[in-house]
Amino acid sequence: MSLTISIILAVIAIIIIAGLAFYALKLRREVKVREARREQELIQARANCLESLEAIARAMQAGQVDMVEGGLRCKVLIEILDTSLAEDDVLSVFGVLHGRVSHLHTHSARKELSPRERLAEDKERIAVEEALAEPLQLAASRVLSNMEFWHQHYLGRKRPASPADLGQAV
């Protein structure tokens, strides 16, 4: 092979390597942008979750929402936020509540029940609510008292002063 051909092949190889390196850098930047966007979306989802959790806990304490309904919603939000929170001694009542009422019919299935069956389920739901009223109130209080810490831990920032600002990720 002549020297000229060797030089031409070396230049072509260098151009190909430079092109591939440029393409790799471009892909790397794209991955970083996607990861940053995903992290921002996760923070926003957590902020929305905390906002909803706080609103429901406040409504439970003020008697503005059915305790069973509020407790079930809190259970779901806590599990979305961090499944390990459901193991907390006080917050675990949301899981206990779910275990006691999960077999009860809701929505369209409830409408299909006879009036007698609906009444029986209502009585059962009321009995569970009465039995767990105090632990559910305590759990709602725990949720509210943990808000500062959860904002710092899950969002990396202090809790906003105004509840309307909760969903705004920084």
N, C-alpha and C. Protein backbone atom coordinates (compact mmCIF):
# COMPACT_ATOMS: atom_id res chain seq x y z
N MET A 1 0.85 -1.16 0.00
CA MET A 1 0.00 0.00 0.00
C MET A 1 0.90 1.23 0.00
N SER A 2 0.55 2.22 -0.80
CA SER A 2 1.39 3.39 -0.92
C SER A 2 1.14 4.35 0.23
N LEU A 3 2.06 5.24 0.40
CA LEU A 3 1.98 6.23 1.47
C LEU A 3 0.76 7.13 1.29
N THR A 4 0.44 7.50 0.08
CA THR A 4 -0.68 8.38 -0.20
C THR A 4 -2.00 7.71 0.21
N ILE A 5 -2.15 6.45 -0.13
CA ILE A 5 -3.38 5.72 0.22
C ILE A 5 -3.48 5.59 1.75
N SER A 6 -2.36 5.33 2.39
CA SER A 6 -2.35 5.22 3.86
C SER A 6 -2.78 6.53 4.51
N ILE A 7 -2.27 7.63 3.99
CA ILE A 7 -2.62 8.95 4.54
C ILE A 7 -4.11 9.23 4.31
N ILE A 8 -4.60 8.92 3.11
CA ILE A 8 -6.02 9.15 2.81
C ILE A 8 -6.90 8.31 3.74
N LEU A 9 -6.55 7.05 3.93
CA LEU A 9 -7.32 6.18 4.83
C LEU A 9 -7.26 6.68 6.27
N ALA A 10 -6.09 7.17 6.69
CA ALA A 10 -5.95 7.70 8.05
C ALA A 10 -6.82 8.94 8.23
N VAL A 11 -6.85 9.84 7.23
CA VAL A 11 -7.67 11.04 7.30
C VAL A 11 -9.15 10.66 7.34
N ILE A 12 -9.55 9.70 6.51
CA ILE A 12 -10.94 9.23 6.51
C ILE A 12 -11.30 8.65 7.87
N ALA A 13 -10.40 7.85 8.44
CA ALA A 13 -10.64 7.26 9.76
C ALA A 13 -10.79 8.34 10.83
N ILE A 14 -9.93 9.37 10.76
CA ILE A 14 -10.01 10.47 11.73
C ILE A 14 -11.33 11.22 11.58
N ILE A 15 -11.76 11.45 10.35
CA ILE A 15 -13.03 12.14 10.11
C ILE A 15 -14.19 11.31 10.65
N ILE A 16 -14.16 10.00 10.42
CA ILE A 16 -15.22 9.12 10.92
C ILE A 16 -15.24 9.12 12.44
N ILE A 17 -14.06 9.02 13.05
CA ILE A 17 -13.97 9.02 14.52
C ILE A 17 -14.47 10.35 15.08
N ALA A 18 -14.09 11.46 14.46
CA ALA A 18 -14.54 12.77 14.92
C ALA A 18 -16.06 12.89 14.79
N GLY A 19 -16.62 12.40 13.68
CA GLY A 19 -18.07 12.43 13.49
C GLY A 19 -18.80 11.60 14.53
N LEU A 20 -18.27 10.42 14.81
CA LEU A 20 -18.88 9.56 15.83
C LEU A 20 -18.77 10.19 17.22
N ALA A 21 -17.63 10.83 17.50
CA ALA A 21 -17.46 11.49 18.80
C ALA A 21 -18.46 12.64 18.95
N PHE A 22 -18.62 13.41 17.88
CA PHE A 22 -19.59 14.51 17.90
C PHE A 22 -21.01 13.97 18.12
N TYR A 23 -21.35 12.89 17.43
CA TYR A 23 -22.67 12.28 17.58
C TYR A 23 -22.88 11.75 18.99
N ALA A 24 -21.84 11.14 19.57
CA ALA A 24 -21.92 10.61 20.94
C ALA A 24 -22.14 11.76 21.93
N LEU A 25 -21.45 12.87 21.75
CA LEU A 25 -21.64 14.03 22.63
C LEU A 25 -23.05 14.59 22.51
N LYS A 26 -23.55 14.63 21.29
CA LYS A 26 -24.91 15.12 21.07
C LYS A 26 -25.92 14.21 21.78
N LEU A 27 -25.75 12.91 21.66
CA LEU A 27 -26.64 11.97 22.35
C LEU A 27 -26.54 12.10 23.86
N ARG A 28 -25.33 12.31 24.35
CA ARG A 28 -25.13 12.46 25.79
C ARG A 28 -25.87 13.69 26.33
N ARG A 29 -25.78 14.80 25.60
CA ARG A 29 -26.49 16.01 26.00
C ARG A 29 -28.00 15.77 25.99
N GLU A 30 -28.46 15.07 24.97
CA GLU A 30 -29.89 14.77 24.86
C GLU A 30 -30.37 13.93 26.05
N VAL A 31 -29.56 12.96 26.46
CA VAL A 31 -29.90 12.13 27.61
C VAL A 31 -29.97 12.98 28.87
N LYS A 32 -29.01 13.89 29.04
CA LYS A 32 -29.02 14.77 30.22
C LYS A 32 -30.26 15.65 30.25
N VAL A 33 -30.65 16.17 29.10
CA VAL A 33 -31.85 17.01 29.02
C VAL A 33 -33.09 16.18 29.38
N ARG A 34 -33.16 14.97 28.86
CA ARG A 34 -34.31 14.10 29.17
C ARG A 34 -34.34 13.74 30.65
N GLU A 35 -33.18 13.44 31.23
CA GLU A 35 -33.12 13.11 32.65
C GLU A 35 -33.54 14.30 33.51
N ALA A 36 -33.10 15.49 33.13
CA ALA A 36 -33.48 16.69 33.87
C ALA A 36 -34.99 16.93 33.76
N ARG A 37 -35.54 16.73 32.57
CA ARG A 37 -36.98 16.90 32.37
C ARG A 37 -37.75 15.87 33.20
N ARG A 38 -37.27 14.64 33.20
CA ARG A 38 -37.93 13.58 33.97
C ARG A 38 -37.88 13.89 35.46
N GLU A 39 -36.75 14.37 35.94
CA GLU A 39 -36.61 14.72 37.35
C GLU A 39 -37.56 15.87 37.71
N GLN A 40 -37.67 16.84 36.82
CA GLN A 40 -38.58 17.97 37.06
C GLN A 40 -40.03 17.49 37.10
N GLU A 41 -40.38 16.56 36.21
CA GLU A 41 -41.74 16.01 36.21
C GLU A 41 -42.01 15.23 37.49
N LEU A 42 -41.01 14.50 37.98
CA LEU A 42 -41.15 13.75 39.22
C LEU A 42 -41.35 14.70 40.40
N ILE A 43 -40.58 15.77 40.43
CA ILE A 43 -40.73 16.77 41.50
C ILE A 43 -42.12 17.40 41.44
N GLN A 44 -42.58 17.70 40.23
CA GLN A 44 -43.92 18.29 40.08
C GLN A 44 -45.00 17.31 40.54
N ALA A 45 -44.84 16.04 40.19
CA ALA A 45 -45.81 15.03 40.61
C ALA A 45 -45.83 14.90 42.14
N ARG A 46 -44.65 14.92 42.74
CA ARG A 46 -44.58 14.85 44.21
C ARG A 46 -45.20 16.09 44.84
N ALA A 47 -44.96 17.25 44.25
CA ALA A 47 -45.55 18.49 44.77
C ALA A 47 -47.08 18.42 44.70
N ASN A 48 -47.59 17.93 43.58
CA ASN A 48 -49.05 17.78 43.44
C ASN A 48 -49.59 16.79 44.46
N CYS A 49 -48.85 15.71 44.67
CA CYS A 49 -49.25 14.69 45.64
C CYS A 49 -49.30 15.29 47.05
N LEU A 50 -48.27 16.04 47.41
CA LEU A 50 -48.25 16.68 48.73
C LEU A 50 -49.37 17.69 48.88
N GLU A 51 -49.65 18.43 47.82
CA GLU A 51 -50.74 19.42 47.87
C GLU A 51 -52.07 18.72 48.11
N SER A 52 -52.32 17.64 47.39
CA SER A 52 -53.57 16.90 47.56
C SER A 52 -53.65 16.27 48.95
N LEU A 53 -52.55 15.71 49.39
CA LEU A 53 -52.51 15.07 50.70
C LEU A 53 -52.81 16.07 51.81
N GLU A 54 -52.23 17.25 51.70
CA GLU A 54 -52.48 18.29 52.71
C GLU A 54 -53.94 18.74 52.68
N ALA A 55 -54.48 18.93 51.49
CA ALA A 55 -55.88 19.38 51.38
C ALA A 55 -56.84 18.34 51.96
N ILE A 56 -56.59 17.08 51.68
CA ILE A 56 -57.47 16.02 52.20
C ILE A 56 -57.34 15.92 53.71
N ALA A 57 -56.11 15.97 54.22
CA ALA A 57 -55.91 15.88 55.68
C ALA A 57 -56.60 17.04 56.39
N ARG A 58 -56.49 18.24 55.82
CA ARG A 58 -57.17 19.40 56.42
C ARG A 58 -58.69 19.21 56.39
N ALA A 59 -59.20 18.71 55.27
CA ALA A 59 -60.64 18.48 55.15
C ALA A 59 -61.10 17.41 56.13
N MET A 60 -60.28 16.39 56.35
CA MET A 60 -60.63 15.34 57.32
C MET A 60 -60.71 15.94 58.72
N GLN A 61 -59.75 16.77 59.06
CA GLN A 61 -59.75 17.38 60.40
C GLN A 61 -60.93 18.33 60.58
N ALA A 62 -61.33 19.00 59.52
CA ALA A 62 -62.42 19.96 59.61
C ALA A 62 -63.79 19.30 59.43
N GLY A 63 -63.81 18.00 59.18
CA GLY A 63 -65.07 17.30 58.99
C GLY A 63 -65.73 17.62 57.66
N GLN A 64 -64.95 18.07 56.69
CA GLN A 64 -65.50 18.46 55.39
C GLN A 64 -65.54 17.30 54.39
N VAL A 65 -64.96 16.18 54.79
CA VAL A 65 -64.94 15.02 53.91
C VAL A 65 -65.23 13.78 54.75
N ASP A 66 -65.88 12.82 54.15
CA ASP A 66 -66.14 11.55 54.82
C ASP A 66 -64.79 10.94 55.22
N MET A 67 -64.67 10.51 56.46
CA MET A 67 -63.40 9.99 56.96
C MET A 67 -62.93 8.76 56.18
N VAL A 68 -63.85 7.91 55.79
CA VAL A 68 -63.47 6.72 55.02
C VAL A 68 -62.92 7.14 53.66
N GLU A 69 -63.64 8.02 52.99
CA GLU A 69 -63.19 8.50 51.67
C GLU A 69 -61.85 9.21 51.78
N GLY A 70 -61.72 10.10 52.75
CA GLY A 70 -60.46 10.82 52.95
C GLY A 70 -59.32 9.88 53.28
N GLY A 71 -59.57 8.92 54.14
CA GLY A 71 -58.54 7.96 54.51
C GLY A 71 -58.07 7.12 53.33
N LEU A 72 -59.01 6.70 52.50
CA LEU A 72 -58.65 5.91 51.32
C LEU A 72 -57.82 6.74 50.34
N ARG A 73 -58.20 7.98 50.18
CA ARG A 73 -57.44 8.86 49.27
C ARG A 73 -56.03 9.12 49.83
N CYS A 74 -55.94 9.31 51.14
CA CYS A 74 -54.63 9.52 51.77
C CYS A 74 -53.75 8.29 51.58
N LYS A 75 -54.34 7.11 51.72
CA LYS A 75 -53.57 5.87 51.54
C LYS A 75 -52.93 5.83 50.16
N VAL A 76 -53.71 6.13 49.14
CA VAL A 76 -53.20 6.09 47.77
C VAL A 76 -52.09 7.12 47.58
N LEU A 77 -52.32 8.34 48.05
CA LEU A 77 -51.32 9.40 47.88
C LEU A 77 -50.03 9.09 48.63
N ILE A 78 -50.15 8.54 49.82
CA ILE A 78 -48.96 8.19 50.60
C ILE A 78 -48.17 7.10 49.90
N GLU A 79 -48.86 6.12 49.33
CA GLU A 79 -48.17 5.06 48.61
C GLU A 79 -47.51 5.59 47.34
N ILE A 80 -48.11 6.57 46.70
CA ILE A 80 -47.50 7.19 45.53
C ILE A 80 -46.25 7.95 45.95
N LEU A 81 -46.34 8.67 47.05
CA LEU A 81 -45.22 9.47 47.53
C LEU A 81 -44.05 8.58 47.96
N ASP A 82 -44.32 7.61 48.81
CA ASP A 82 -43.27 6.73 49.32
C ASP A 82 -43.93 5.55 50.03
N THR A 83 -43.78 4.37 49.49
CA THR A 83 -44.46 3.20 50.06
C THR A 83 -44.03 2.92 51.50
N SER A 84 -42.83 3.32 51.87
CA SER A 84 -42.38 3.06 53.24
C SER A 84 -43.16 3.88 54.27
N LEU A 85 -43.78 4.98 53.84
CA LEU A 85 -44.57 5.80 54.77
C LEU A 85 -45.79 5.04 55.29
N ALA A 86 -46.29 4.09 54.51
CA ALA A 86 -47.46 3.31 54.92
C ALA A 86 -47.15 2.42 56.12
N GLU A 87 -45.86 2.23 56.42
CA GLU A 87 -45.46 1.39 57.55
C GLU A 87 -45.38 2.18 58.85
N ASP A 88 -45.51 3.49 58.78
CA ASP A 88 -45.49 4.33 59.98
C ASP A 88 -46.61 3.89 60.92
N ASP A 89 -46.31 3.86 62.22
CA ASP A 89 -47.30 3.40 63.21
C ASP A 89 -48.63 4.14 63.10
N VAL A 90 -48.57 5.44 62.92
CA VAL A 90 -49.81 6.24 62.88
C VAL A 90 -50.44 6.20 61.49
N LEU A 91 -49.63 6.34 60.45
CA LEU A 91 -50.16 6.39 59.08
C LEU A 91 -50.66 5.03 58.59
N SER A 92 -50.27 3.97 59.25
CA SER A 92 -50.69 2.63 58.82
C SER A 92 -52.20 2.44 58.95
N VAL A 93 -52.87 3.32 59.70
CA VAL A 93 -54.33 3.21 59.83
C VAL A 93 -55.02 3.36 58.47
N PHE A 94 -54.39 4.09 57.54
CA PHE A 94 -54.97 4.22 56.21
C PHE A 94 -55.02 2.85 55.52
N GLY A 95 -53.98 2.05 55.70
CA GLY A 95 -53.97 0.69 55.15
C GLY A 95 -54.97 -0.21 55.85
N VAL A 96 -55.08 -0.05 57.18
CA VAL A 96 -56.06 -0.83 57.94
C VAL A 96 -57.47 -0.50 57.44
N LEU A 97 -57.73 0.78 57.24
CA LEU A 97 -59.03 1.22 56.72
C LEU A 97 -59.30 0.57 55.37
N HIS A 98 -58.32 0.62 54.50
CA HIS A 98 -58.48 0.02 53.17
C HIS A 98 -58.80 -1.46 53.29
N GLY A 99 -58.11 -2.15 54.18
CA GLY A 99 -58.37 -3.57 54.37
C GLY A 99 -59.79 -3.86 54.83
N ARG A 100 -60.34 -2.96 55.62
CA ARG A 100 -61.69 -3.18 56.16
C ARG A 100 -62.81 -2.80 55.21
N VAL A 101 -62.54 -1.90 54.27
CA VAL A 101 -63.63 -1.45 53.39
C VAL A 101 -63.41 -1.77 51.91
N SER A 102 -62.30 -2.38 51.57
CA SER A 102 -62.01 -2.61 50.15
C SER A 102 -63.02 -3.54 49.47
N HIS A 103 -63.68 -4.37 50.24
CA HIS A 103 -64.67 -5.29 49.66
C HIS A 103 -66.02 -4.61 49.39
N LEU A 104 -66.22 -3.43 49.93
CA LEU A 104 -67.49 -2.72 49.74
C LEU A 104 -67.58 -2.19 48.31
N HIS A 105 -68.76 -2.18 47.78
CA HIS A 105 -68.98 -1.75 46.40
C HIS A 105 -68.93 -0.22 46.30
N THR A 106 -68.48 0.25 45.15
CA THR A 106 -68.43 1.69 44.89
C THR A 106 -68.96 1.96 43.49
N HIS A 107 -69.26 3.20 43.24
CA HIS A 107 -69.66 3.70 41.93
C HIS A 107 -70.81 2.88 41.32
N SER A 108 -70.61 2.41 40.09
CA SER A 108 -71.71 1.72 39.39
C SER A 108 -72.05 0.39 40.05
N ALA A 109 -71.06 -0.29 40.63
CA ALA A 109 -71.35 -1.56 41.32
C ALA A 109 -72.27 -1.31 42.51
N ARG A 110 -72.09 -0.19 43.18
CA ARG A 110 -72.94 0.15 44.32
C ARG A 110 -74.37 0.42 43.86
N LYS A 111 -74.51 1.06 42.72
CA LYS A 111 -75.85 1.37 42.19
C LYS A 111 -76.62 0.09 41.84
N GLU A 112 -75.90 -0.96 41.51
CA GLU A 112 -76.55 -2.22 41.14
C GLU A 112 -77.04 -3.00 42.36
N LEU A 113 -76.61 -2.61 43.55
CA LEU A 113 -77.05 -3.30 44.76
C LEU A 113 -78.51 -2.99 45.06
N SER A 114 -79.15 -3.91 45.73
CA SER A 114 -80.52 -3.66 46.17
C SER A 114 -80.47 -2.65 47.32
N PRO A 115 -81.56 -1.97 47.60
CA PRO A 115 -81.57 -1.01 48.71
C PRO A 115 -81.15 -1.66 50.04
N ARG A 116 -81.55 -2.88 50.25
CA ARG A 116 -81.19 -3.59 51.49
C ARG A 116 -79.67 -3.83 51.56
N GLU A 117 -79.09 -4.25 50.43
CA GLU A 117 -77.64 -4.50 50.40
C GLU A 117 -76.87 -3.19 50.58
N ARG A 118 -77.36 -2.14 49.95
CA ARG A 118 -76.72 -0.83 50.09
C ARG A 118 -76.76 -0.36 51.54
N LEU A 119 -77.88 -0.54 52.20
CA LEU A 119 -78.02 -0.16 53.60
C LEU A 119 -77.05 -0.96 54.46
N ALA A 120 -76.93 -2.25 54.19
CA ALA A 120 -76.01 -3.09 54.95
C ALA A 120 -74.57 -2.60 54.77
N GLU A 121 -74.20 -2.25 53.54
CA GLU A 121 -72.85 -1.74 53.29
C GLU A 121 -72.65 -0.38 53.96
N ASP A 122 -73.66 0.46 53.92
CA ASP A 122 -73.57 1.76 54.58
C ASP A 122 -73.36 1.60 56.08
N LYS A 123 -74.09 0.67 56.68
CA LYS A 123 -73.92 0.42 58.11
C LYS A 123 -72.51 -0.07 58.42
N GLU A 124 -72.00 -0.95 57.55
CA GLU A 124 -70.64 -1.46 57.76
C GLU A 124 -69.62 -0.33 57.61
N ARG A 125 -69.80 0.51 56.62
CA ARG A 125 -68.89 1.64 56.39
C ARG A 125 -68.92 2.60 57.58
N ILE A 126 -70.11 2.87 58.09
CA ILE A 126 -70.25 3.77 59.25
C ILE A 126 -69.60 3.15 60.48
N ALA A 127 -69.77 1.85 60.67
CA ALA A 127 -69.16 1.17 61.82
C ALA A 127 -67.64 1.25 61.74
N VAL A 128 -67.08 1.06 60.55
CA VAL A 128 -65.63 1.16 60.38
C VAL A 128 -65.18 2.59 60.65
N GLU A 129 -65.93 3.55 60.14
CA GLU A 129 -65.59 4.96 60.36
C GLU A 129 -65.61 5.31 61.84
N GLU A 130 -66.61 4.84 62.55
CA GLU A 130 -66.69 5.11 63.99
C GLU A 130 -65.55 4.43 64.75
N ALA A 131 -65.23 3.21 64.36
CA ALA A 131 -64.16 2.47 65.04
C ALA A 131 -62.80 3.10 64.81
N LEU A 132 -62.60 3.68 63.63
CA LEU A 132 -61.28 4.23 63.28
C LEU A 132 -61.24 5.75 63.31
N ALA A 133 -62.29 6.40 63.79
CA ALA A 133 -62.35 7.87 63.75
C ALA A 133 -61.15 8.51 64.43
N GLU A 134 -60.84 8.09 65.63
CA GLU A 134 -59.73 8.70 66.36
C GLU A 134 -58.38 8.42 65.68
N PRO A 135 -58.07 7.17 65.32
CA PRO A 135 -56.81 6.93 64.62
C PRO A 135 -56.72 7.67 63.28
N LEU A 136 -57.84 7.81 62.57
CA LEU A 136 -57.82 8.54 61.31
C LEU A 136 -57.56 10.02 61.54
N GLN A 137 -58.15 10.60 62.59
CA GLN A 137 -57.87 12.00 62.92
C GLN A 137 -56.40 12.18 63.29
N LEU A 138 -55.88 11.24 64.05
CA LEU A 138 -54.47 11.28 64.43
C LEU A 138 -53.57 11.18 63.20
N ALA A 139 -53.93 10.31 62.27
CA ALA A 139 -53.16 10.17 61.04
C ALA A 139 -53.22 11.44 60.19
N ALA A 140 -54.39 12.07 60.13
CA ALA A 140 -54.51 13.33 59.39
C ALA A 140 -53.62 14.39 60.03
N SER A 141 -53.58 14.40 61.35
CA SER A 141 -52.69 15.33 62.07
C SER A 141 -51.23 15.05 61.75
N ARG A 142 -50.88 13.77 61.71
CA ARG A 142 -49.49 13.38 61.41
C ARG A 142 -49.12 13.82 60.00
N VAL A 143 -50.03 13.65 59.07
CA VAL A 143 -49.77 14.09 57.69
C VAL A 143 -49.45 15.59 57.69
N LEU A 144 -50.27 16.37 58.36
CA LEU A 144 -50.07 17.83 58.38
C LEU A 144 -48.78 18.21 59.10
N SER A 145 -48.47 17.51 60.18
CA SER A 145 -47.25 17.85 60.92
C SER A 145 -45.99 17.44 60.17
N ASN A 146 -46.11 16.49 59.24
CA ASN A 146 -44.95 16.04 58.46
C ASN A 146 -44.73 16.85 57.18
N MET A 147 -45.63 17.76 56.86
CA MET A 147 -45.55 18.48 55.59
C MET A 147 -44.21 19.20 55.39
N GLU A 148 -43.75 19.89 56.42
CA GLU A 148 -42.47 20.61 56.30
C GLU A 148 -41.35 19.65 55.92
N PHE A 149 -41.25 18.56 56.68
CA PHE A 149 -40.20 17.57 56.44
C PHE A 149 -40.35 16.95 55.05
N TRP A 150 -41.57 16.56 54.68
CA TRP A 150 -41.77 15.92 53.38
C TRP A 150 -41.43 16.84 52.22
N HIS A 151 -41.74 18.12 52.36
CA HIS A 151 -41.36 19.06 51.30
C HIS A 151 -39.84 19.10 51.15
N GLN A 152 -39.16 19.17 52.27
CA GLN A 152 -37.71 19.23 52.23
C GLN A 152 -37.15 17.91 51.68
N HIS A 153 -37.68 16.80 52.15
CA HIS A 153 -37.15 15.48 51.79
C HIS A 153 -37.47 15.09 50.34
N TYR A 154 -38.71 15.28 49.92
CA TYR A 154 -39.13 14.80 48.60
C TYR A 154 -39.00 15.84 47.49
N LEU A 155 -38.99 17.12 47.87
CA LEU A 155 -38.90 18.16 46.85
C LEU A 155 -37.59 18.93 46.91
N GLY A 156 -36.89 18.80 48.04
CA GLY A 156 -35.63 19.52 48.18
C GLY A 156 -35.81 21.00 48.40
N ARG A 157 -36.95 21.39 48.92
CA ARG A 157 -37.19 22.81 49.19
C ARG A 157 -38.17 22.93 50.35
N LYS A 158 -38.23 24.15 50.89
CA LYS A 158 -39.15 24.41 51.99
C LYS A 158 -40.58 24.44 51.49
N ARG A 159 -41.48 24.18 52.40
CA ARG A 159 -42.91 24.20 52.09
C ARG A 159 -43.34 25.63 51.80
N PRO A 160 -44.10 25.84 50.73
CA PRO A 160 -44.58 27.19 50.42
C PRO A 160 -45.48 27.72 51.53
N ALA A 161 -45.47 29.02 51.70
CA ALA A 161 -46.28 29.65 52.74
C ALA A 161 -47.77 29.54 52.42
N SER A 162 -48.11 29.62 51.15
CA SER A 162 -49.51 29.59 50.74
C SER A 162 -49.85 28.23 50.13
N PRO A 163 -50.94 27.60 50.55
CA PRO A 163 -51.32 26.31 49.96
C PRO A 163 -51.51 26.38 48.45
N ALA A 164 -51.84 27.55 47.91
CA ALA A 164 -52.01 27.68 46.46
C ALA A 164 -50.69 27.53 45.73
N ASP A 165 -49.57 27.75 46.44
CA ASP A 165 -48.25 27.66 45.82
C ASP A 165 -47.67 26.25 45.88
N LEU A 166 -48.36 25.32 46.50
CA LEU A 166 -47.81 23.98 46.71
C LEU A 166 -47.45 23.27 45.42
N GLY A 167 -48.27 23.37 44.41
CA GLY A 167 -48.04 22.63 43.18
C GLY A 167 -46.99 23.22 42.27
N GLN A 168 -46.42 24.35 42.63
CA GLN A 168 -45.43 24.99 41.77
C GLN A 168 -44.04 24.47 42.09
N ALA A 169 -43.49 23.69 41.16
CA ALA A 169 -42.14 23.16 41.35
C ALA A 169 -41.13 24.26 41.06
N VAL A 170 -40.09 24.30 41.87
CA VAL A 170 -39.05 25.31 41.69
C VAL A 170 -37.85 24.67 41.06
